[in-house]
Amino acid sequence: MKPALEKLAAGFALTTRPAFKIGDDIGVKDFQGTVLEITGRSTVLRLRDGRRAHLPNTDVVDETI
């Protein structure tokens, strides 16, 4: 139950008080790209090579952006 609550809280934090918005270029861990979407579970980036990456919001909240 705890991991589910952590994911929910991270998604809520990113959607209510975001450090970035759709269209921003960000880097999280080894991923660099443009924010396409912020959902309750993940942040979706279009990487520089055109691929999409779905990063768990718990990782996004815990990392330096």
N, C-alpha and C. Protein backbone atom coordinates (compact mmCIF):
# COMPACT_ATOMS: atom_id res chain seq x y z
N MET A 1 0.82 -1.19 0.00
CA MET A 1 0.00 0.00 0.00
C MET A 1 0.87 1.26 0.00
N LYS A 2 2.01 1.23 0.69
CA LYS A 2 2.86 2.41 0.78
C LYS A 2 3.37 2.88 -0.58
N PRO A 3 3.86 1.98 -1.47
CA PRO A 3 4.32 2.45 -2.79
C PRO A 3 3.20 3.12 -3.59
N ALA A 4 1.99 2.60 -3.48
CA ALA A 4 0.87 3.21 -4.21
C ALA A 4 0.58 4.61 -3.69
N LEU A 5 0.66 4.80 -2.39
CA LEU A 5 0.44 6.13 -1.82
C LEU A 5 1.55 7.10 -2.21
N GLU A 6 2.79 6.60 -2.27
CA GLU A 6 3.90 7.45 -2.68
C GLU A 6 3.73 7.91 -4.12
N LYS A 7 3.30 7.00 -5.00
CA LYS A 7 3.07 7.36 -6.40
C LYS A 7 1.95 8.38 -6.52
N LEU A 8 0.88 8.18 -5.77
CA LEU A 8 -0.25 9.11 -5.80
C LEU A 8 0.17 10.48 -5.30
N ALA A 9 0.92 10.52 -4.22
CA ALA A 9 1.38 11.80 -3.66
C ALA A 9 2.32 12.51 -4.62
N ALA A 10 3.21 11.78 -5.28
CA ALA A 10 4.13 12.39 -6.24
C ALA A 10 3.37 12.97 -7.42
N GLY A 11 2.39 12.23 -7.93
CA GLY A 11 1.58 12.72 -9.04
C GLY A 11 0.80 13.96 -8.65
N PHE A 12 0.25 13.95 -7.46
CA PHE A 12 -0.50 15.11 -6.96
C PHE A 12 0.41 16.33 -6.84
N ALA A 13 1.60 16.13 -6.30
CA ALA A 13 2.55 17.24 -6.14
C ALA A 13 2.94 17.84 -7.48
N LEU A 14 3.17 17.00 -8.47
CA LEU A 14 3.58 17.51 -9.78
C LEU A 14 2.45 18.21 -10.53
N THR A 15 1.23 17.79 -10.30
CA THR A 15 0.12 18.43 -11.01
C THR A 15 -0.39 19.67 -10.31
N THR A 16 -0.20 19.78 -9.00
CA THR A 16 -0.72 20.96 -8.28
C THR A 16 0.34 22.03 -8.07
N ARG A 17 1.60 21.64 -7.93
CA ARG A 17 2.69 22.61 -7.72
C ARG A 17 3.88 22.20 -8.58
N PRO A 18 3.71 22.24 -9.88
CA PRO A 18 4.77 21.72 -10.75
C PRO A 18 6.02 22.60 -10.77
N ALA A 19 7.15 21.94 -10.87
CA ALA A 19 8.43 22.64 -11.02
C ALA A 19 8.68 22.92 -12.50
N PHE A 20 7.87 22.32 -13.36
CA PHE A 20 7.99 22.48 -14.81
C PHE A 20 6.61 22.30 -15.41
N LYS A 21 6.49 22.63 -16.68
CA LYS A 21 5.19 22.51 -17.36
C LYS A 21 5.38 21.85 -18.72
N ILE A 22 4.29 21.50 -19.35
CA ILE A 22 4.33 20.90 -20.67
C ILE A 22 5.04 21.86 -21.62
N GLY A 23 5.97 21.32 -22.39
CA GLY A 23 6.75 22.12 -23.32
C GLY A 23 8.13 22.49 -22.81
N ASP A 24 8.35 22.36 -21.49
CA ASP A 24 9.66 22.66 -20.92
C ASP A 24 10.66 21.56 -21.28
N ASP A 25 11.90 21.94 -21.46
CA ASP A 25 12.99 20.98 -21.63
C ASP A 25 13.59 20.71 -20.26
N ILE A 26 13.63 19.44 -19.87
CA ILE A 26 14.16 19.08 -18.57
C ILE A 26 15.09 17.88 -18.69
N GLY A 27 15.86 17.66 -17.66
CA GLY A 27 16.69 16.47 -17.54
C GLY A 27 16.43 15.82 -16.19
N VAL A 28 16.18 14.53 -16.21
CA VAL A 28 15.96 13.76 -14.99
C VAL A 28 16.76 12.47 -15.14
N LYS A 29 17.66 12.24 -14.19
CA LYS A 29 18.58 11.10 -14.27
C LYS A 29 19.31 11.17 -15.60
N ASP A 30 19.25 10.12 -16.40
CA ASP A 30 19.95 10.08 -17.69
C ASP A 30 19.07 10.51 -18.85
N PHE A 31 17.89 11.03 -18.58
CA PHE A 31 16.93 11.39 -19.62
C PHE A 31 16.88 12.91 -19.80
N GLN A 32 16.95 13.36 -21.05
CA GLN A 32 16.82 14.78 -21.38
C GLN A 32 15.78 14.88 -22.48
N GLY A 33 14.81 15.79 -22.30
CA GLY A 33 13.81 15.94 -23.34
C GLY A 33 12.77 16.97 -22.99
N THR A 34 11.75 17.02 -23.84
CA THR A 34 10.65 17.98 -23.71
C THR A 34 9.47 17.31 -23.03
N VAL A 35 8.90 17.98 -22.04
CA VAL A 35 7.75 17.43 -21.32
C VAL A 35 6.53 17.43 -22.25
N LEU A 36 5.95 16.26 -22.46
CA LEU A 36 4.75 16.12 -23.28
C LEU A 36 3.49 16.03 -22.44
N GLU A 37 3.62 15.40 -21.27
CA GLU A 37 2.44 15.14 -20.44
C GLU A 37 2.87 14.87 -19.01
N ILE A 38 2.02 15.29 -18.07
CA ILE A 38 2.22 14.98 -16.66
C ILE A 38 0.94 14.31 -16.19
N THR A 39 1.03 13.03 -15.86
CA THR A 39 -0.15 12.29 -15.41
C THR A 39 -0.03 12.01 -13.91
N GLY A 40 -0.99 11.32 -13.38
CA GLY A 40 -0.95 10.97 -11.97
C GLY A 40 0.15 9.98 -11.64
N ARG A 41 0.63 9.24 -12.63
CA ARG A 41 1.64 8.22 -12.38
C ARG A 41 3.00 8.53 -12.98
N SER A 42 3.03 9.28 -14.09
CA SER A 42 4.32 9.48 -14.76
C SER A 42 4.40 10.83 -15.46
N THR A 43 5.63 11.20 -15.77
CA THR A 43 5.91 12.36 -16.59
C THR A 43 6.45 11.83 -17.91
N VAL A 44 5.86 12.28 -19.00
CA VAL A 44 6.23 11.77 -20.33
C VAL A 44 7.12 12.80 -21.03
N LEU A 45 8.28 12.33 -21.46
CA LEU A 45 9.23 13.18 -22.18
C LEU A 45 9.39 12.70 -23.62
N ARG A 46 9.57 13.64 -24.55
CA ARG A 46 10.04 13.29 -25.89
C ARG A 46 11.54 13.54 -25.84
N LEU A 47 12.28 12.45 -25.97
CA LEU A 47 13.73 12.53 -25.91
C LEU A 47 14.29 13.16 -27.18
N ARG A 48 15.51 13.57 -27.14
CA ARG A 48 16.11 14.25 -28.28
C ARG A 48 16.19 13.39 -29.53
N ASP A 49 16.21 12.06 -29.35
CA ASP A 49 16.25 11.17 -30.52
C ASP A 49 14.86 10.80 -31.01
N GLY A 50 13.81 11.45 -30.44
CA GLY A 50 12.44 11.23 -30.90
C GLY A 50 11.66 10.19 -30.11
N ARG A 51 12.35 9.39 -29.31
CA ARG A 51 11.64 8.39 -28.51
C ARG A 51 10.89 9.06 -27.37
N ARG A 52 9.93 8.33 -26.79
CA ARG A 52 9.20 8.81 -25.62
C ARG A 52 9.65 8.03 -24.40
N ALA A 53 9.74 8.73 -23.28
CA ALA A 53 10.10 8.09 -22.02
C ALA A 53 9.04 8.43 -20.99
N HIS A 54 8.54 7.41 -20.32
CA HIS A 54 7.58 7.58 -19.23
C HIS A 54 8.34 7.41 -17.92
N LEU A 55 8.57 8.51 -17.22
CA LEU A 55 9.33 8.48 -15.98
C LEU A 55 8.36 8.47 -14.80
N PRO A 56 8.49 7.53 -13.89
CA PRO A 56 7.61 7.51 -12.72
C PRO A 56 7.74 8.82 -11.94
N ASN A 57 6.62 9.37 -11.52
CA ASN A 57 6.64 10.64 -10.80
C ASN A 57 7.43 10.55 -9.49
N THR A 58 7.48 9.38 -8.89
CA THR A 58 8.27 9.24 -7.67
C THR A 58 9.74 9.50 -7.97
N ASP A 59 10.23 9.07 -9.14
CA ASP A 59 11.62 9.34 -9.54
C ASP A 59 11.80 10.82 -9.85
N VAL A 60 10.83 11.41 -10.53
CA VAL A 60 10.94 12.83 -10.90
C VAL A 60 10.97 13.71 -9.67
N VAL A 61 10.15 13.42 -8.68
CA VAL A 61 10.09 14.22 -7.46
C VAL A 61 11.37 14.07 -6.66
N ASP A 62 11.95 12.88 -6.65
CA ASP A 62 13.14 12.61 -5.84
C ASP A 62 14.44 13.12 -6.45
N GLU A 63 14.45 13.40 -7.76
CA GLU A 63 15.68 13.78 -8.45
C GLU A 63 15.80 15.29 -8.63
N THR A 64 17.01 15.74 -8.85
CA THR A 64 17.25 17.13 -9.23
C THR A 64 16.90 17.27 -10.70
N ILE A 65 16.11 18.30 -10.99
CA ILE A 65 15.66 18.51 -12.38
C ILE A 65 16.49 19.61 -12.99
